[in-house]
C-alpha cells in the first residue's frame, strides 16, 4: 500500500515466486522493461544465484509461503528492500483466470513497482525460531495421538 515518503524507489524490481524445489525469478526496471528475464533457479543453487545477481539498489518482493523465511534471510542482506507479500491478498488483487509462473512474476513485479504490495509482518529471527519449535511440537503430538501410531507405540 502507498506509504507516502516511504514509497519504493529502486534501480531494479525483482520478484521471487518460491516453490518447494525451485524459485522463479524475474526483474524489471521502473519503465517495466525486463532486466532479469523470468527463469527457474533450483533451490540448492539459489544462494549462489542471489549473491551473483541481486544488488544493493534492488527492491525484492516474495510471496509468503512455507519456506519464505529461508529465502528472506538469504536476500535481505543483499538488497535495499525486501517485501513479503500476503499470498491471499495478492491473488484477490490479481484474480487471474490463467495462471503461469511467468504471469505470477509479472503480477508481483507490477504490484511492487506500483507500490501496492499487501505486506505481511516480518517477525524477528527469534520469533521465527520459536514458531518453528511450536510447529514441530504440534506435529509430534499429532503423530503420537493418531490411533494407528498410538497402537504401535503401546505394543
N, C-alpha and C. Protein backbone atom coordinates (compact mmCIF):
# COMPACT_ATOMS: atom_id res chain seq x y z
N UNK A 1 0.83 -1.17 0.00
CA UNK A 1 0.00 0.00 0.00
C UNK A 1 0.88 1.25 0.00
N UNK A 2 0.36 2.35 -0.48
CA UNK A 2 1.14 3.57 -0.57
C UNK A 2 1.62 4.01 0.80
N UNK A 3 2.86 4.43 0.85
CA UNK A 3 3.45 4.84 2.11
C UNK A 3 3.98 6.26 2.07
N UNK A 4 3.53 7.07 1.13
CA UNK A 4 3.97 8.46 1.05
C UNK A 4 5.47 8.58 0.87
N UNK A 5 6.15 9.10 1.89
CA UNK A 5 7.59 9.32 1.78
C UNK A 5 8.38 8.02 1.76
N UNK A 6 7.76 6.91 2.13
CA UNK A 6 8.45 5.62 2.13
C UNK A 6 8.23 4.87 0.81
N UNK A 7 7.72 5.55 -0.21
CA UNK A 7 7.47 4.88 -1.48
C UNK A 7 8.75 4.20 -1.97
N UNK A 8 8.56 3.10 -2.64
CA UNK A 8 9.69 2.30 -3.09
C UNK A 8 10.28 2.91 -4.36
N UNK A 9 11.57 3.23 -4.28
CA UNK A 9 12.31 3.69 -5.46
C UNK A 9 13.54 2.81 -5.55
N UNK A 10 13.67 2.12 -6.65
CA UNK A 10 14.78 1.19 -6.80
C UNK A 10 15.28 1.25 -8.24
N UNK A 11 16.51 0.79 -8.41
CA UNK A 11 17.06 0.68 -9.76
C UNK A 11 16.41 -0.47 -10.51
N UNK A 12 16.19 -1.58 -9.76
CA UNK A 12 15.54 -2.76 -10.34
C UNK A 12 14.52 -3.28 -9.33
N UNK A 13 13.49 -3.90 -9.88
CA UNK A 13 12.45 -4.53 -9.06
C UNK A 13 12.49 -6.02 -9.38
N UNK A 14 12.63 -6.84 -8.36
CA UNK A 14 12.80 -8.28 -8.56
C UNK A 14 11.70 -9.01 -7.81
N UNK A 15 11.10 -10.01 -8.48
CA UNK A 15 10.08 -10.84 -7.86
C UNK A 15 10.59 -12.27 -7.76
N UNK A 16 10.28 -12.90 -6.63
CA UNK A 16 10.65 -14.29 -6.39
C UNK A 16 9.40 -15.08 -6.06
N UNK A 17 9.10 -16.07 -6.88
CA UNK A 17 7.96 -16.96 -6.66
C UNK A 17 8.53 -18.27 -6.14
N UNK A 18 8.34 -18.53 -4.85
CA UNK A 18 9.02 -19.64 -4.17
C UNK A 18 8.19 -20.91 -4.26
N UNK A 19 8.85 -21.99 -4.66
CA UNK A 19 8.26 -23.32 -4.70
C UNK A 19 9.10 -24.23 -3.83
N UNK A 20 8.69 -25.47 -3.68
CA UNK A 20 9.41 -26.40 -2.81
C UNK A 20 10.82 -26.70 -3.32
N UNK A 21 10.95 -26.95 -4.61
CA UNK A 21 12.23 -27.36 -5.19
C UNK A 21 12.97 -26.26 -5.94
N UNK A 22 12.30 -25.16 -6.23
CA UNK A 22 12.93 -24.10 -7.03
C UNK A 22 12.29 -22.75 -6.73
N UNK A 23 12.93 -21.70 -7.25
CA UNK A 23 12.43 -20.33 -7.14
C UNK A 23 12.36 -19.76 -8.55
N UNK A 24 11.20 -19.22 -8.91
CA UNK A 24 11.09 -18.50 -10.18
C UNK A 24 11.49 -17.07 -9.90
N UNK A 25 12.39 -16.51 -10.72
CA UNK A 25 12.88 -15.16 -10.51
C UNK A 25 12.65 -14.33 -11.77
N UNK A 26 12.50 -13.05 -11.59
CA UNK A 26 12.37 -12.13 -12.71
C UNK A 26 12.52 -10.72 -12.20
N UNK A 27 12.95 -9.81 -13.09
CA UNK A 27 13.13 -8.43 -12.67
C UNK A 27 12.82 -7.44 -13.77
N UNK A 28 12.32 -6.27 -13.36
CA UNK A 28 12.01 -5.18 -14.28
C UNK A 28 12.60 -3.89 -13.73
N UNK A 29 12.73 -2.91 -14.62
CA UNK A 29 13.10 -1.58 -14.17
C UNK A 29 11.83 -0.77 -13.98
N UNK A 30 11.98 0.51 -13.66
CA UNK A 30 10.81 1.34 -13.38
C UNK A 30 9.89 1.52 -14.59
N UNK A 31 10.45 1.39 -15.79
CA UNK A 31 9.64 1.51 -17.02
C UNK A 31 8.99 0.17 -17.39
N UNK A 32 9.11 -0.80 -16.53
CA UNK A 32 8.55 -2.15 -16.69
C UNK A 32 9.14 -2.87 -17.89
N UNK A 33 10.44 -2.63 -18.11
CA UNK A 33 11.21 -3.36 -19.10
C UNK A 33 11.95 -4.48 -18.37
N UNK A 34 12.00 -5.65 -18.97
CA UNK A 34 12.67 -6.78 -18.34
C UNK A 34 14.17 -6.51 -18.21
N UNK A 35 14.70 -6.64 -17.00
CA UNK A 35 16.15 -6.56 -16.78
C UNK A 35 16.69 -7.91 -16.32
N UNK A 36 15.82 -8.75 -15.79
CA UNK A 36 16.13 -10.14 -15.46
C UNK A 36 14.98 -10.97 -16.01
N UNK A 37 15.19 -11.63 -17.11
CA UNK A 37 14.14 -12.47 -17.69
C UNK A 37 13.72 -13.53 -16.68
N UNK A 38 12.43 -13.84 -16.65
CA UNK A 38 11.97 -14.84 -15.68
C UNK A 38 12.61 -16.19 -15.99
N UNK A 39 13.10 -16.81 -14.94
CA UNK A 39 13.77 -18.10 -15.06
C UNK A 39 13.62 -18.87 -13.77
N UNK A 40 13.89 -20.14 -13.87
CA UNK A 40 13.79 -21.05 -12.73
C UNK A 40 15.18 -21.29 -12.16
N UNK A 41 15.30 -21.11 -10.83
CA UNK A 41 16.57 -21.36 -10.15
C UNK A 41 16.33 -22.45 -9.11
N UNK A 42 17.07 -23.54 -9.23
CA UNK A 42 16.90 -24.65 -8.30
C UNK A 42 17.25 -24.19 -6.88
N UNK A 43 16.55 -24.72 -5.89
CA UNK A 43 16.71 -24.29 -4.51
C UNK A 43 18.16 -24.44 -4.02
N UNK A 44 18.83 -25.51 -4.40
CA UNK A 44 20.20 -25.72 -3.92
C UNK A 44 21.19 -24.74 -4.55
N UNK A 45 20.82 -24.07 -5.63
CA UNK A 45 21.68 -23.08 -6.28
C UNK A 45 21.25 -21.65 -6.02
N UNK A 46 20.17 -21.48 -5.26
CA UNK A 46 19.60 -20.13 -5.11
C UNK A 46 20.56 -19.16 -4.41
N UNK A 47 21.21 -19.58 -3.33
CA UNK A 47 22.10 -18.67 -2.60
C UNK A 47 23.19 -18.11 -3.53
N UNK A 48 23.81 -18.96 -4.32
CA UNK A 48 24.85 -18.51 -5.25
C UNK A 48 24.26 -17.58 -6.30
N UNK A 49 23.07 -17.92 -6.81
CA UNK A 49 22.42 -17.06 -7.80
C UNK A 49 22.14 -15.69 -7.20
N UNK A 50 21.61 -15.65 -6.00
CA UNK A 50 21.28 -14.38 -5.34
C UNK A 50 22.52 -13.52 -5.15
N UNK A 51 23.59 -14.12 -4.68
CA UNK A 51 24.83 -13.37 -4.47
C UNK A 51 25.39 -12.82 -5.77
N UNK A 52 25.22 -13.54 -6.87
CA UNK A 52 25.73 -13.11 -8.18
C UNK A 52 24.82 -12.10 -8.87
N UNK A 53 23.51 -12.14 -8.62
CA UNK A 53 22.57 -11.36 -9.42
C UNK A 53 21.85 -10.23 -8.70
N UNK A 54 21.71 -10.30 -7.40
CA UNK A 54 20.99 -9.25 -6.68
C UNK A 54 21.96 -8.15 -6.28
N UNK A 55 21.45 -6.91 -6.26
CA UNK A 55 22.28 -5.74 -5.99
C UNK A 55 21.69 -4.91 -4.86
N UNK A 56 22.52 -4.07 -4.29
CA UNK A 56 22.11 -3.24 -3.16
C UNK A 56 20.94 -2.31 -3.51
N UNK A 57 20.84 -1.86 -4.74
CA UNK A 57 19.78 -0.94 -5.14
C UNK A 57 18.47 -1.61 -5.53
N UNK A 58 18.38 -2.93 -5.40
CA UNK A 58 17.18 -3.67 -5.80
C UNK A 58 16.10 -3.63 -4.71
N UNK A 59 14.86 -3.68 -5.16
CA UNK A 59 13.72 -3.92 -4.27
C UNK A 59 13.18 -5.30 -4.67
N UNK A 60 12.95 -6.14 -3.69
CA UNK A 60 12.54 -7.52 -3.95
C UNK A 60 11.21 -7.81 -3.27
N UNK A 61 10.35 -8.53 -3.98
CA UNK A 61 9.09 -8.99 -3.40
C UNK A 61 9.05 -10.50 -3.48
N UNK A 62 8.62 -11.13 -2.39
CA UNK A 62 8.40 -12.57 -2.39
C UNK A 62 7.06 -12.84 -1.75
N UNK A 63 6.40 -13.88 -2.23
CA UNK A 63 5.09 -14.24 -1.72
C UNK A 63 5.25 -15.14 -0.51
N UNK A 64 4.45 -14.89 0.52
CA UNK A 64 4.53 -15.67 1.75
C UNK A 64 4.14 -17.12 1.49
N UNK A 65 5.08 -18.04 1.73
CA UNK A 65 4.84 -19.48 1.62
C UNK A 65 5.52 -20.15 2.81
N UNK A 66 5.52 -21.46 2.83
CA UNK A 66 6.07 -22.16 3.99
C UNK A 66 7.56 -21.92 4.19
N UNK A 67 8.34 -21.82 3.14
CA UNK A 67 9.78 -21.63 3.30
C UNK A 67 10.24 -20.21 2.95
N UNK A 68 9.37 -19.23 3.11
CA UNK A 68 9.68 -17.86 2.74
C UNK A 68 10.81 -17.28 3.58
N UNK A 69 10.90 -17.64 4.85
CA UNK A 69 11.90 -17.01 5.72
C UNK A 69 13.32 -17.46 5.37
N UNK A 70 13.49 -18.67 4.88
CA UNK A 70 14.81 -19.12 4.45
C UNK A 70 15.30 -18.24 3.29
N UNK A 71 14.43 -18.00 2.34
CA UNK A 71 14.78 -17.17 1.18
C UNK A 71 14.96 -15.72 1.63
N UNK A 72 14.07 -15.25 2.49
CA UNK A 72 14.15 -13.88 3.00
C UNK A 72 15.52 -13.63 3.64
N UNK A 73 15.99 -14.57 4.45
CA UNK A 73 17.27 -14.41 5.14
C UNK A 73 18.45 -14.38 4.18
N UNK A 74 18.33 -15.04 3.03
CA UNK A 74 19.39 -15.00 2.01
C UNK A 74 19.36 -13.66 1.29
N UNK A 75 18.17 -13.17 0.95
CA UNK A 75 18.01 -11.99 0.10
C UNK A 75 18.20 -10.68 0.86
N UNK A 76 17.68 -10.58 2.08
CA UNK A 76 17.65 -9.30 2.81
C UNK A 76 19.00 -8.59 2.91
N UNK A 77 20.10 -9.28 3.21
CA UNK A 77 21.37 -8.55 3.32
C UNK A 77 21.94 -8.08 1.97
N UNK A 78 21.41 -8.59 0.87
CA UNK A 78 21.97 -8.29 -0.44
C UNK A 78 21.31 -7.11 -1.15
N UNK A 79 20.09 -6.74 -0.73
CA UNK A 79 19.31 -5.75 -1.48
C UNK A 79 18.90 -4.58 -0.58
N UNK A 80 18.34 -3.54 -1.22
CA UNK A 80 17.91 -2.37 -0.47
C UNK A 80 16.64 -2.58 0.32
N UNK A 81 15.69 -3.33 -0.23
CA UNK A 81 14.40 -3.53 0.43
C UNK A 81 13.80 -4.86 0.02
N UNK A 82 13.22 -5.56 1.00
CA UNK A 82 12.53 -6.82 0.74
C UNK A 82 11.13 -6.71 1.32
N UNK A 83 10.14 -7.05 0.51
CA UNK A 83 8.76 -7.08 0.96
C UNK A 83 8.25 -8.50 0.85
N UNK A 84 7.53 -8.95 1.86
CA UNK A 84 6.89 -10.26 1.82
C UNK A 84 5.41 -10.01 1.59
N UNK A 85 4.91 -10.48 0.46
CA UNK A 85 3.52 -10.23 0.06
C UNK A 85 2.58 -11.26 0.66
N UNK A 86 1.43 -10.81 1.09
CA UNK A 86 0.38 -11.68 1.61
C UNK A 86 -0.21 -12.43 0.42
N UNK A 87 -0.02 -13.74 0.38
CA UNK A 87 -0.37 -14.55 -0.80
C UNK A 87 -1.85 -14.44 -1.16
N UNK A 88 -2.73 -14.54 -0.18
CA UNK A 88 -4.18 -14.48 -0.46
C UNK A 88 -4.57 -13.12 -1.01
N UNK A 89 -4.03 -12.06 -0.43
CA UNK A 89 -4.36 -10.71 -0.89
C UNK A 89 -3.85 -10.47 -2.31
N UNK A 90 -2.67 -11.00 -2.63
CA UNK A 90 -2.13 -10.86 -3.99
C UNK A 90 -3.06 -11.55 -4.98
N UNK A 91 -3.53 -12.76 -4.63
CA UNK A 91 -4.44 -13.48 -5.52
C UNK A 91 -5.75 -12.72 -5.71
N UNK A 92 -6.26 -12.11 -4.65
CA UNK A 92 -7.50 -11.36 -4.75
C UNK A 92 -7.33 -10.12 -5.62
N UNK A 93 -6.18 -9.46 -5.51
CA UNK A 93 -5.92 -8.28 -6.33
C UNK A 93 -5.80 -8.69 -7.80
N UNK A 94 -5.09 -9.78 -8.04
CA UNK A 94 -4.81 -10.20 -9.42
C UNK A 94 -6.00 -10.86 -10.08
N UNK A 95 -6.69 -11.76 -9.35
CA UNK A 95 -7.83 -12.50 -9.90
C UNK A 95 -7.54 -13.06 -11.29
N UNK A 96 -6.46 -13.78 -11.41
CA UNK A 96 -6.07 -14.33 -12.71
C UNK A 96 -6.84 -15.59 -13.03
N UNK A 97 -7.34 -15.67 -14.23
CA UNK A 97 -8.01 -16.89 -14.69
C UNK A 97 -6.97 -17.88 -15.21
N UNK A 98 -6.02 -17.37 -15.97
CA UNK A 98 -4.93 -18.19 -16.48
C UNK A 98 -3.72 -17.89 -15.59
N UNK A 99 -3.12 -18.94 -15.07
CA UNK A 99 -2.03 -18.73 -14.12
C UNK A 99 -0.81 -19.51 -14.56
N UNK A 100 0.23 -18.78 -14.91
CA UNK A 100 1.52 -19.41 -15.21
C UNK A 100 2.55 -18.79 -14.28
N UNK A 101 3.69 -19.44 -14.17
CA UNK A 101 4.73 -18.91 -13.29
C UNK A 101 5.24 -17.55 -13.78
N UNK A 102 5.36 -17.39 -15.08
CA UNK A 102 5.80 -16.10 -15.62
C UNK A 102 4.78 -15.01 -15.30
N UNK A 103 3.49 -15.33 -15.41
CA UNK A 103 2.46 -14.35 -15.08
C UNK A 103 2.47 -14.00 -13.59
N UNK A 104 2.77 -14.98 -12.74
CA UNK A 104 2.90 -14.70 -11.31
C UNK A 104 4.02 -13.70 -11.06
N UNK A 105 5.16 -13.90 -11.72
CA UNK A 105 6.29 -13.00 -11.58
C UNK A 105 5.90 -11.59 -12.05
N UNK A 106 5.29 -11.50 -13.22
CA UNK A 106 4.88 -10.20 -13.76
C UNK A 106 3.91 -9.50 -12.81
N UNK A 107 2.96 -10.25 -12.28
CA UNK A 107 1.96 -9.69 -11.38
C UNK A 107 2.62 -9.13 -10.12
N UNK A 108 3.52 -9.90 -9.54
CA UNK A 108 4.23 -9.44 -8.35
C UNK A 108 5.08 -8.19 -8.66
N UNK A 109 5.73 -8.19 -9.81
CA UNK A 109 6.56 -7.05 -10.19
C UNK A 109 5.71 -5.79 -10.38
N UNK A 110 4.58 -5.91 -11.02
CA UNK A 110 3.72 -4.74 -11.24
C UNK A 110 3.20 -4.19 -9.92
N UNK A 111 2.86 -5.07 -8.98
CA UNK A 111 2.43 -4.62 -7.65
C UNK A 111 3.57 -3.91 -6.93
N UNK A 112 4.79 -4.44 -7.06
CA UNK A 112 5.95 -3.84 -6.41
C UNK A 112 6.27 -2.47 -7.01
N UNK A 113 6.29 -2.38 -8.33
CA UNK A 113 6.59 -1.11 -9.00
C UNK A 113 5.52 -0.06 -8.66
N UNK A 114 4.27 -0.50 -8.58
CA UNK A 114 3.17 0.41 -8.25
C UNK A 114 3.11 0.74 -6.76
N UNK A 115 3.90 0.04 -5.95
CA UNK A 115 3.93 0.21 -4.50
C UNK A 115 2.58 -0.10 -3.86
N UNK A 116 1.96 -1.22 -4.31
CA UNK A 116 0.69 -1.65 -3.71
C UNK A 116 0.76 -3.11 -3.26
N UNK A 117 1.93 -3.53 -2.82
CA UNK A 117 2.10 -4.90 -2.33
C UNK A 117 1.44 -5.02 -0.96
N UNK A 118 0.50 -5.96 -0.80
CA UNK A 118 -0.09 -6.18 0.53
C UNK A 118 0.92 -6.96 1.39
N UNK A 119 1.62 -6.24 2.26
CA UNK A 119 2.73 -6.82 3.01
C UNK A 119 2.27 -7.57 4.25
N UNK A 120 3.10 -8.53 4.66
CA UNK A 120 2.92 -9.19 5.94
C UNK A 120 4.04 -8.74 6.86
N UNK A 121 3.82 -8.88 8.16
CA UNK A 121 4.84 -8.53 9.14
C UNK A 121 5.96 -9.55 9.08
N UNK A 122 7.18 -9.08 9.11
CA UNK A 122 8.34 -9.97 9.11
C UNK A 122 8.80 -10.12 10.55
N UNK A 123 8.54 -11.29 11.15
CA UNK A 123 8.95 -11.47 12.55
C UNK A 123 10.46 -11.57 12.68
N UNK A 124 10.99 -11.15 13.83
CA UNK A 124 12.43 -11.30 14.06
C UNK A 124 12.81 -12.78 14.06
N UNK A 125 14.09 -13.06 13.86
CA UNK A 125 14.58 -14.44 13.78
C UNK A 125 14.19 -15.24 15.02
N UNK A 126 14.30 -14.66 16.19
CA UNK A 126 13.96 -15.38 17.43
C UNK A 126 12.50 -15.83 17.44
N UNK A 127 11.61 -14.99 16.96
CA UNK A 127 10.19 -15.34 16.89
C UNK A 127 9.97 -16.45 15.88
N UNK A 128 10.65 -16.36 14.74
CA UNK A 128 10.52 -17.41 13.72
C UNK A 128 11.00 -18.75 14.25
N UNK A 129 12.09 -18.75 15.01
CA UNK A 129 12.61 -20.00 15.57
C UNK A 129 11.62 -20.59 16.58
N UNK A 130 11.04 -19.75 17.43
CA UNK A 130 10.04 -20.24 18.38
C UNK A 130 8.82 -20.81 17.67
N UNK A 131 8.38 -20.14 16.62
CA UNK A 131 7.24 -20.65 15.85
C UNK A 131 7.57 -22.00 15.23
N UNK A 132 8.79 -22.16 14.77
CA UNK A 132 9.22 -23.44 14.20
C UNK A 132 9.19 -24.55 15.24
N UNK A 133 9.64 -24.25 16.46
CA UNK A 133 9.60 -25.25 17.54
C UNK A 133 8.17 -25.62 17.90
N UNK A 134 7.30 -24.64 17.97
CA UNK A 134 5.90 -24.90 18.29
C UNK A 134 5.26 -25.76 17.21
N UNK A 135 5.55 -25.44 15.96
CA UNK A 135 5.01 -26.22 14.85
C UNK A 135 5.52 -27.65 14.89
N UNK A 136 6.81 -27.83 15.18
CA UNK A 136 7.40 -29.17 15.27
C UNK A 136 6.75 -29.96 16.40
N UNK A 137 6.58 -29.33 17.56
CA UNK A 137 5.94 -29.99 18.70
C UNK A 137 4.51 -30.40 18.35
N UNK A 138 3.79 -29.52 17.67
CA UNK A 138 2.41 -29.80 17.29
C UNK A 138 2.36 -31.04 16.38
N UNK A 139 3.30 -31.14 15.44
CA UNK A 139 3.33 -32.31 14.55
C UNK A 139 3.64 -33.59 15.33
N UNK A 140 4.57 -33.50 16.30
CA UNK A 140 4.88 -34.67 17.13
C UNK A 140 3.67 -35.13 17.94
N UNK A 141 2.97 -34.18 18.54
CA UNK A 141 1.77 -34.52 19.32
C UNK A 141 0.71 -35.13 18.42
N UNK A 142 0.52 -34.56 17.25
CA UNK A 142 -0.48 -35.08 16.32
C UNK A 142 -0.14 -36.52 15.92
N UNK A 143 1.14 -36.78 15.64
CA UNK A 143 1.55 -38.14 15.27
C UNK A 143 1.34 -39.11 16.43
N UNK A 144 1.64 -38.69 17.64
CA UNK A 144 1.52 -39.60 18.80
C UNK A 144 0.07 -39.88 19.18
N UNK A 145 -0.84 -39.02 18.77
CA UNK A 145 -2.25 -39.23 19.10
C UNK A 145 -3.04 -39.84 17.95
N UNK A 146 -2.39 -40.11 16.85
CA UNK A 146 -3.05 -40.80 15.73
C UNK A 146 -3.29 -42.24 16.15
N UNK A 147 -4.54 -42.75 16.02
CA UNK A 147 -4.87 -44.11 16.51
C UNK A 147 -3.92 -45.20 16.06
N UNK A 148 -3.56 -45.22 14.78
CA UNK A 148 -2.68 -46.30 14.29
C UNK A 148 -1.30 -46.20 14.92
N UNK A 149 -0.78 -45.01 15.06
CA UNK A 149 0.53 -44.85 15.66
C UNK A 149 0.49 -45.12 17.15
N UNK A 150 -0.59 -44.72 17.81
CA UNK A 150 -0.72 -44.96 19.25
C UNK A 150 -0.74 -46.46 19.53
N UNK A 151 -1.40 -47.23 18.69
CA UNK A 151 -1.45 -48.69 18.87
C UNK A 151 -0.05 -49.31 18.72
N UNK A 152 0.75 -48.79 17.76
CA UNK A 152 2.11 -49.28 17.59
C UNK A 152 2.98 -48.95 18.77
N UNK A 153 2.80 -47.74 19.33
CA UNK A 153 3.60 -47.31 20.46
C UNK A 153 3.29 -48.17 21.69
N UNK A 154 2.02 -48.55 21.89
CA UNK A 154 1.61 -49.31 23.06
C UNK A 154 2.06 -50.76 22.95
N UNK A 155 2.27 -51.32 21.76
CA UNK A 155 2.67 -52.72 21.64
C UNK A 155 4.12 -52.94 21.90
